[in-house]
Amino acid sequence: MTDLERKIYRIIYNMSRFRKNPTMDDLKRKTGKDEASIRKAVRNLVTRNELAWDKEKSEWKF
């Protein structure tokens, strides 16, 4: 897991504990990266099954 992926994972995990899904603006502000880099990192996390989106509950699964 790269540093950016680890950082995004922790941000999503910590924010979702309080029932708030981070927006793209939240992730951009907290990581200092552009949208393309964030999307690529999230896609990598999802393909490695470290993150999954639950469509019914509209929340992340870890």
Protein backbone atom coordinates (compact mmCIF):
# COMPACT_ATOMS: atom_id res chain seq x y z
CA MET A 1 0.00 0.00 0.00
CA THR A 2 1.43 3.38 -0.97
CA ASP A 3 1.54 6.36 1.38
CA LEU A 4 -1.33 8.05 -0.47
CA GLU A 5 -3.46 4.90 -0.36
CA ARG A 6 -2.77 4.50 3.35
CA LYS A 7 -3.66 8.13 3.99
CA ILE A 8 -6.91 7.91 2.00
CA TYR A 9 -7.83 4.64 3.72
CA ARG A 10 -7.37 6.24 7.15
CA ILE A 11 -9.36 9.34 6.17
CA ILE A 12 -12.26 7.27 4.85
CA TYR A 13 -12.13 4.93 7.86
CA ASN A 14 -12.05 7.72 10.44
CA MET A 15 -14.76 9.81 8.79
CA SER A 16 -17.06 6.83 8.23
CA ARG A 17 -16.87 5.92 11.92
CA PHE A 18 -18.97 9.03 12.50
CA ARG A 19 -21.37 8.18 9.64
CA LYS A 20 -19.94 10.80 7.30
CA ASN A 21 -18.61 9.83 3.89
CA PRO A 22 -15.77 12.12 2.79
CA THR A 23 -16.37 14.11 -0.37
CA MET A 24 -13.81 14.55 -3.10
CA ASP A 25 -13.19 18.08 -1.78
CA ASP A 26 -12.51 16.64 1.69
CA LEU A 27 -9.99 14.18 0.26
CA LYS A 28 -8.32 16.87 -1.89
CA ARG A 29 -7.98 19.19 1.09
CA LYS A 30 -6.71 16.54 3.50
CA THR A 31 -4.24 14.88 1.11
CA GLY A 32 -3.15 17.85 -0.99
CA LYS A 33 -3.44 15.74 -4.14
CA ASP A 34 -5.46 16.18 -7.33
CA GLU A 35 -8.65 14.31 -8.18
CA ALA A 36 -7.00 11.93 -10.65
CA SER A 37 -4.46 10.74 -8.06
CA ILE A 38 -7.16 10.23 -5.45
CA ARG A 39 -9.40 8.29 -7.83
CA LYS A 40 -6.50 6.05 -8.83
CA ALA A 41 -5.60 5.35 -5.20
CA VAL A 42 -9.22 4.54 -4.27
CA ARG A 43 -9.55 2.31 -7.34
CA ASN A 44 -6.40 0.44 -6.25
CA LEU A 45 -7.81 -0.03 -2.74
CA VAL A 46 -11.09 -1.37 -4.14
CA THR A 47 -9.41 -3.78 -6.56
CA ARG A 48 -7.29 -5.21 -3.74
CA ASN A 49 -10.48 -5.65 -1.65
CA GLU A 50 -9.27 -3.35 1.11
CA LEU A 51 -12.29 -1.09 0.57
CA ALA A 52 -15.75 -1.87 -0.76
CA TRP A 53 -18.78 0.33 -1.36
CA ASP A 54 -22.09 -0.95 0.05
CA LYS A 55 -24.72 0.39 -2.34
CA GLU A 56 -27.68 -0.45 -0.09
CA LYS A 57 -26.37 1.40 2.95
CA SER A 58 -24.34 4.00 0.98
CA GLU A 59 -21.27 3.47 3.12
CA TRP A 60 -17.77 2.01 2.90
CA LYS A 61 -16.94 -1.50 4.11
CA PHE A 62 -13.50 -2.34 5.44
